[in-house]
Amino acid sequence: MEGFRVVILAAGKGKRMGAEMPKVLVPVAGRPMIEHVLEAVKEAGVDEKPIVVVGHRMDQVCTQVGARCEYVIQTVQLGTGHALQAAMQHLGSARYVLVLYGDHPFLSSRTIRHLAEAASGTDAPVTLMTIRLPDFEEERRPFFDFGRIVRGADGRVERIVETRDASEEERRILEVNPGYYCFDAAWLREHIVRLGNANTQGEFYLTDLIGIAMQQGSPIHTVTVTNALEGMGVNTPEQLALAEVVFEKRSTE
């Protein structure tokens, strides 16, 4: 596929993980998490040399990844939106920008390609991957903290509401946002400068770009998957232990 740039966010410290190494280098199933992501991107065939946004202990990440990727330094970690802003000057003539995360080891090449193909087949400025769950039990427990996809009567996305801001009714919604986006590059260049950080964390969030598109009345195109593991990030020791159990379970099936 041509016209795509993949941006992998890998600059975070991973405070909740409590590891000395960068979070994306924490091993899952015997391999650093970012290696699982890079393998999926390579197999998807959407970008031969993806952009990796590095920051915390970036020398270690660069040593692990080597020349397979192009690097962007996020000198101060001020959120996912800020990380993407740092990568903008490296997009070249890209028509689409696919944003992934270095700590999501279960994302498959098939889903990456599906998201890219869906974006190239729509006029919407943003294509959003969503996950539809049967419940929030067992290995799906971490998804309870994900933003809920609120749709209107016509089935279109009306808003994304974070769990902490959701009503009891909204918390029962079983379609969630794992944070994978594919942006129209021209739209992104024009609107990413509008991101603000007027929030309790003082950070710039990618989800605010979804809000900007909605305020414009632009449609949000969605790709929905039912395999919850596709959106599972690893942010805590508990989630790491769960990920190991899941990988072990998959290897024996």
Foldseek 3Di string as FASTA:
>chain_A
DPQEAEEAEQADQLVQAVDPDGQQQPDAPRGRLLVLVVVLQVVLPYDQAHEYEHEVVVVVVCVVVPRRHHYFYPPDDFEDLSSVVRCLVVSPRHQKYKYHYSQQNQAHNVVVNVQVVQVVVDPFQKEFEKEAEPACDDLNVVQLQFWAFDADPVRFTQATHGNVRDDPVRSRHRIGGLPIMMGRSVVCVVCSVVFFQPDPSSHTYPRVVVVVCVVVVGTHHYDYDHPSSNSDGDRHPVSSVSSNVVVVVVVVD
